[in-house]
Amino acid sequence: MTTSTTKPIILHLGDPIHYNQDLEKSHFNSSHFTIIRPSTEERSRQTFIQSLKEQKWGQFTAIFRPFWDTGNEMAPWNSELIDLLPSSCKISASAGAGYDWVDTSAMAARGIIYCNGAPACTESVADMALWHIIGCFRSLVWSSTAARSGVPEEWMDAHANVGREARNPKGLVLGIIGLGRIGYRIAEKVRGALGMSVRYFDTVRKDEEMERAVGAEYVSSVESLVAEADCVVLATPLVGDRKIVTRKLLGKFKTGGRFVNIARGKLVDEGALVEALKSGKLSSAGLDVFEDEPNVHPELLGMRNVSLTAHNAGGTVDTKAGFERLAMENILGWLKEGREGLKTAVNLEGLKD
């Protein structure tokens, strides 16, 4: 393959640009860059690794992955793969908020900036969290399942009895584990739409002005938070294999409390969660993510007090368009202004100059 030596080379992984063709037409095209898009077959892990060894795609400057559902067939991005990237590669910009599939520290050690797409999915994920929170309080799975059953007896049972368990969330306490961009937006929504009090735990406390803006009260330990909250939302990134919601922590939840996870399934001991729901320690749960995706714990499937969605919290057209644009803007910004032009770099702290 012959590549240009005068224009930066961008390795484009996944589907073509679809939503932001205005930006593509004006700035992100072959007039400004040599853009190489490997085929699906070339993106299988072993083929991709071999191509890197052979320097098939030359001395590319940037890796561009505009969509979360394509372009990552070669994952995980660990040292085995990252160490083969050319020294010319300085930035990797990808769709997606989470980045547990890429070793950002290994990239930083090679002098490669990693940028995610978190701002693009904030609204969508917060909306899904709100849906699960309401579902937990109002027993919506029970009611919806009965209405769809076509069985009059089930309909009548739900009609008569859901109200014995359902609660209005107004005035109750929502606890948020992780008040980052998404956690903060959840706090804004529940305060305004549901009238809930917000408490949170995070490794880094927000400044007082930000806390006041959403009425969020800081709690100094995750154990204290779950003991006080009527519903707990997990909204923190997965780091390594560290679980946050363990059997021990579940034992400290308020009896009859509720749990919502829109973060990562591996942060939760799913077996222990099932036990907590069966014992009545938790009254309900809402899960968008799972410990062994795409497999869901079989005992969760039949629980009428558990709402389940297929890791769709960020899955909107708006998110996809935003992921695509952010990935382009990060690369364009870095090429034009260096670090000042970056929008969502996550590993600058450990970056090797």
Foldseek 3Di string as FASTA:
>chain_A
DDADPPAAEEEEFWDDDDQPVVCCVPPVDPVHYHYHYDDPVCLAQVNVQVCLQVCVVPQHAEYFYQFPVTRNNNWQADCSRLVSHHLNHQEYAHEDDANPSHDQLSCQVSNHWYFYQVVQQLVLLLVVQVVFVQCLQQLVLQQVCLVPVPDVVSNVCCVPPSVVRHDQQAAFEEEEEDCDSNVLVNLQCCCVPRNHAYEYEYPDDDDPVSCVVSNYHYDDDLLVRQLRHLEYEYADYDDDQAADAELVSLVSHHQQHEYEYLYEASNHPLVSVLVCCVVRSYVAYEYAYHNDPPDHDVSQVPDSRYHYHPSCSRPDPSSSSSSNVLSVQQVVQCVVPNPVSHDGTDNPVSHDD
